C-alpha atoms as a PDB file:
ATOM      1  CA  MET A   1     123.375  91.681 -26.602  1.00  0.00           C
ATOM      2  CA  THR A   2     120.453  90.186 -28.229  1.00  0.00           C
ATOM      3  CA  ALA A   3     118.371  90.358 -25.074  1.00  0.00           C
ATOM      4  CA  VAL A   4     119.217  94.012 -24.776  1.00  0.00           C
ATOM      5  CA  THR A   5     118.169  94.793 -28.337  1.00  0.00           C
ATOM      6  CA  TYR A   6     114.892  93.021 -27.768  1.00  0.00           C
ATOM      7  CA  SER A   7     114.054  94.624 -24.549  1.00  0.00           C
ATOM      8  CA  GLY A   8     115.404  98.049 -25.290  1.00  0.00           C
ATOM      9  CA  ALA A   9     116.835  98.442 -21.833  1.00  0.00           C
ATOM     10  CA  ALA A  10     120.246  97.469 -20.460  1.00  0.00           C
ATOM     11  CA  LYS A  11     119.505  95.951 -16.970  1.00  0.00           C
ATOM     12  CA  MET A  12     121.958  93.750 -15.096  1.00  0.00           C
ATOM     13  CA  SER A  13     119.139  91.259 -14.219  1.00  0.00           C
ATOM     14  CA  ILE A  14     118.106  90.783 -17.862  1.00  0.00           C
ATOM     15  CA  ALA A  15     120.223  87.629 -18.399  1.00  0.00           C
ATOM     16  CA  ASN A  16     119.856  85.875 -15.003  1.00  0.00           C
ATOM     17  CA  ASP A  17     117.567  83.274 -16.666  1.00  0.00           C
ATOM     18  CA  TYR A  18     120.167  82.377 -19.242  1.00  0.00           C
ATOM     19  CA  THR A  19     123.112  81.779 -17.038  1.00  0.00           C
ATOM     20  CA  LEU A  20     122.416  78.094 -16.018  1.00  0.00           C
ATOM     21  CA  ASN A  21     121.392  77.246 -19.618  1.00  0.00           C
ATOM     22  CA  SER A  22     124.531  78.640 -21.205  1.00  0.00           C
ATOM     23  CA  ILE A  23     126.920  76.855 -18.695  1.00  0.00           C
ATOM     24  CA  GLY A  24     124.889  73.716 -19.122  1.00  0.00           C
ATOM     25  CA  ALA A  25     125.121  73.930 -22.904  1.00  0.00           C
ATOM     26  CA  VAL A  26     128.911  74.202 -22.852  1.00  0.00           C
ATOM     27  CA  VAL A  27     129.367  71.383 -20.277  1.00  0.00           C
ATOM     28  CA  ILE A  28     126.933  69.097 -22.172  1.00  0.00           C
ATOM     29  CA  GLY A  29     128.878  69.966 -25.371  1.00  0.00           C
ATOM     30  CA  GLY A  30     132.005  68.341 -23.897  1.00  0.00           C
ATOM     31  CA  THR A  31     133.936  71.117 -22.291  1.00  0.00           C
ATOM     32  CA  SER A  32     135.298  70.043 -18.935  1.00  0.00           C
ATOM     33  CA  LEU A  33     134.832  72.159 -15.901  1.00  0.00           C
ATOM     34  CA  PHE A  34     138.286  70.993 -14.838  1.00  0.00           C
ATOM     35  CA  GLY A  35     139.949  72.738 -17.789  1.00  0.00           C
ATOM     36  CA  GLY A  36     141.007  71.381 -21.099  1.00  0.00           C
ATOM     37  CA  VAL A  37     139.672  71.763 -24.555  1.00  0.00           C
ATOM     38  CA  GLY A  38     136.249  72.400 -25.838  1.00  0.00           C
ATOM     39  CA  SER A  39     134.775  72.821 -29.303  1.00  0.00           C
ATOM     40  CA  ALA A  40     132.199  75.234 -30.810  1.00  0.00           C
ATOM     41  CA  VAL A  41     130.378  72.321 -32.494  1.00  0.00           C
ATOM     42  CA  GLY A  42     130.068  70.570 -29.096  1.00  0.00           C
ATOM     43  CA  SER A  43     128.678  73.708 -27.361  1.00  0.00           C
ATOM     44  CA  ILE A  44     126.143  74.100 -30.314  1.00  0.00           C
ATOM     45  CA  PHE A  45     125.158  70.480 -29.800  1.00  0.00           C
ATOM     46  CA  GLY A  46     124.815  71.137 -25.996  1.00  0.00           C
ATOM     47  CA  ALA A  47     122.583  74.180 -26.682  1.00  0.00           C
ATOM     48  CA  PHE A  48     120.408  72.038 -28.815  1.00  0.00           C
ATOM     49  CA  VAL A  49     120.073  69.492 -25.945  1.00  0.00           C
ATOM     50  CA  MET A  50     119.296  72.083 -23.405  1.00  0.00           C
ATOM     51  CA  ARG A  51     116.635  73.523 -25.778  1.00  0.00           C
ATOM     52  CA  THR A  52     115.071  70.110 -26.405  1.00  0.00           C
ATOM     53  CA  VAL A  53     114.990  69.580 -22.550  1.00  0.00           C
ATOM     54  CA  GLY A  54     113.280  73.018 -22.054  1.00  0.00           C
ATOM     55  CA  ASP A  55     110.863  72.263 -24.838  1.00  0.00           C
ATOM     56  CA  LEU A  56     109.920  68.733 -23.467  1.00  0.00           C
ATOM     57  CA  LEU A  57     109.274  70.304 -20.116  1.00  0.00           C
ATOM     58  CA  ILE A  58     106.709  72.568 -21.705  1.00  0.00           C
ATOM     59  CA  VAL A  59     105.203  69.770 -23.665  1.00  0.00           C
ATOM     60  CA  PHE A  60     104.868  67.599 -20.604  1.00  0.00           C
ATOM     61  CA  ASP A  61     103.297  70.524 -18.730  1.00  0.00           C
ATOM     62  CA  ILE A  62     105.804  70.738 -15.895  1.00  0.00           C
ATOM     63  CA  ASN A  63     105.340  73.777 -13.543  1.00  0.00           C
ATOM     64  CA  PRO A  64     107.627  76.599 -14.739  1.00  0.00           C
ATOM     65  CA  VAL A  65     108.828  76.991 -11.160  1.00  0.00           C
ATOM     66  CA  LEU A  66     110.377  73.370 -11.388  1.00  0.00           C
ATOM     67  CA  GLN A  67     111.842  73.750 -14.809  1.00  0.00           C
ATOM     68  CA  PRO A  68     115.222  75.053 -13.591  1.00  0.00           C
ATOM     69  CA  LEU A  69     115.428  72.001 -11.281  1.00  0.00           C
ATOM     70  CA  PHE A  70     115.250  69.666 -14.114  1.00  0.00           C
ATOM     71  CA  VAL A  71     117.774  71.740 -16.161  1.00  0.00           C
ATOM     72  CA  GLY A  72     120.076  71.549 -13.089  1.00  0.00           C
ATOM     73  CA  LEU A  73     119.678  67.776 -12.894  1.00  0.00           C
ATOM     74  CA  VAL A  74     120.573  67.427 -16.569  1.00  0.00           C
ATOM     75  CA  LEU A  75     123.669  69.506 -15.844  1.00  0.00           C
ATOM     76  CA  LEU A  76     124.451  67.398 -12.769  1.00  0.00           C
ATOM     77  CA  VAL A  77     124.410  64.339 -14.903  1.00  0.00           C
ATOM     78  CA  ALA A  78     126.704  65.895 -17.518  1.00  0.00           C
ATOM     79  CA  VAL A  79     129.213  67.090 -14.929  1.00  0.00           C
ATOM     80  CA  CYS A  80     129.285  63.588 -13.307  1.00  0.00           C
ATOM     81  CA  ALA A  81     129.815  61.977 -16.701  1.00  0.00           C
ATOM     82  CA  GLY A  82     132.765  64.405 -17.307  1.00  0.00           C
ATOM     83  CA  SER A  83     134.203  63.768 -13.902  1.00  0.00           C
ATOM     84  CA  LEU A  84     134.474  59.965 -14.720  1.00  0.00           C
ATOM     85  CA  ARG A  85     136.930  60.699 -17.348  1.00  0.00           C
ATOM     86  CA  VAL A  86     139.082  62.692 -14.845  1.00  0.00           C
ATOM     87  CA  LEU A  87     138.962  59.837 -12.366  1.00  0.00           C
ATOM     88  CA  ARG A  88     139.964  57.157 -14.844  1.00  0.00           C
ATOM     89  CA  ILE A  89     143.218  59.037 -15.965  1.00  0.00           C
ATOM     90  CA  LYS A  90     146.426  57.830 -14.411  1.00  0.00           C
ATOM     91  CA  ASN A  91     148.770  60.374 -15.942  1.00  0.00           C
ATOM     92  CA  LYS A  92     147.582  63.988 -15.349  1.00  0.00           C
ATOM     93  CA  LEU A  93     149.133  65.142 -18.645  1.00  0.00           C
ATOM     94  CA  ASP A  94     146.554  62.943 -20.494  1.00  0.00           C
ATOM     95  CA  LEU A  95     143.681  65.117 -19.059  1.00  0.00           C
ATOM     96  CA  TYR A  96     144.797  67.977 -21.460  1.00  0.00           C
ATOM     97  CA  ARG A  97     144.864  65.951 -24.742  1.00  0.00           C
END
């Protein structure tokens, strides 16, 4: 909604750049892609982490074409770290606690 109010036009392609960042922020914030429970505070923390990664890429003068690659790598590390929790659980009911 914010992007629509800034641009003044409602296009379907207006938020394509934010899809990876929004999913990444939620996953880094602690919400599992396998289901379960997440928190708003964790998602806000994940958004701060994603913003910091984006700002550091600008500071280190990384090519803008390569920036989604680095964001994807951060997301991949977060998903792998969350998957380790799923692999360690012996009782499947403990996954949803």
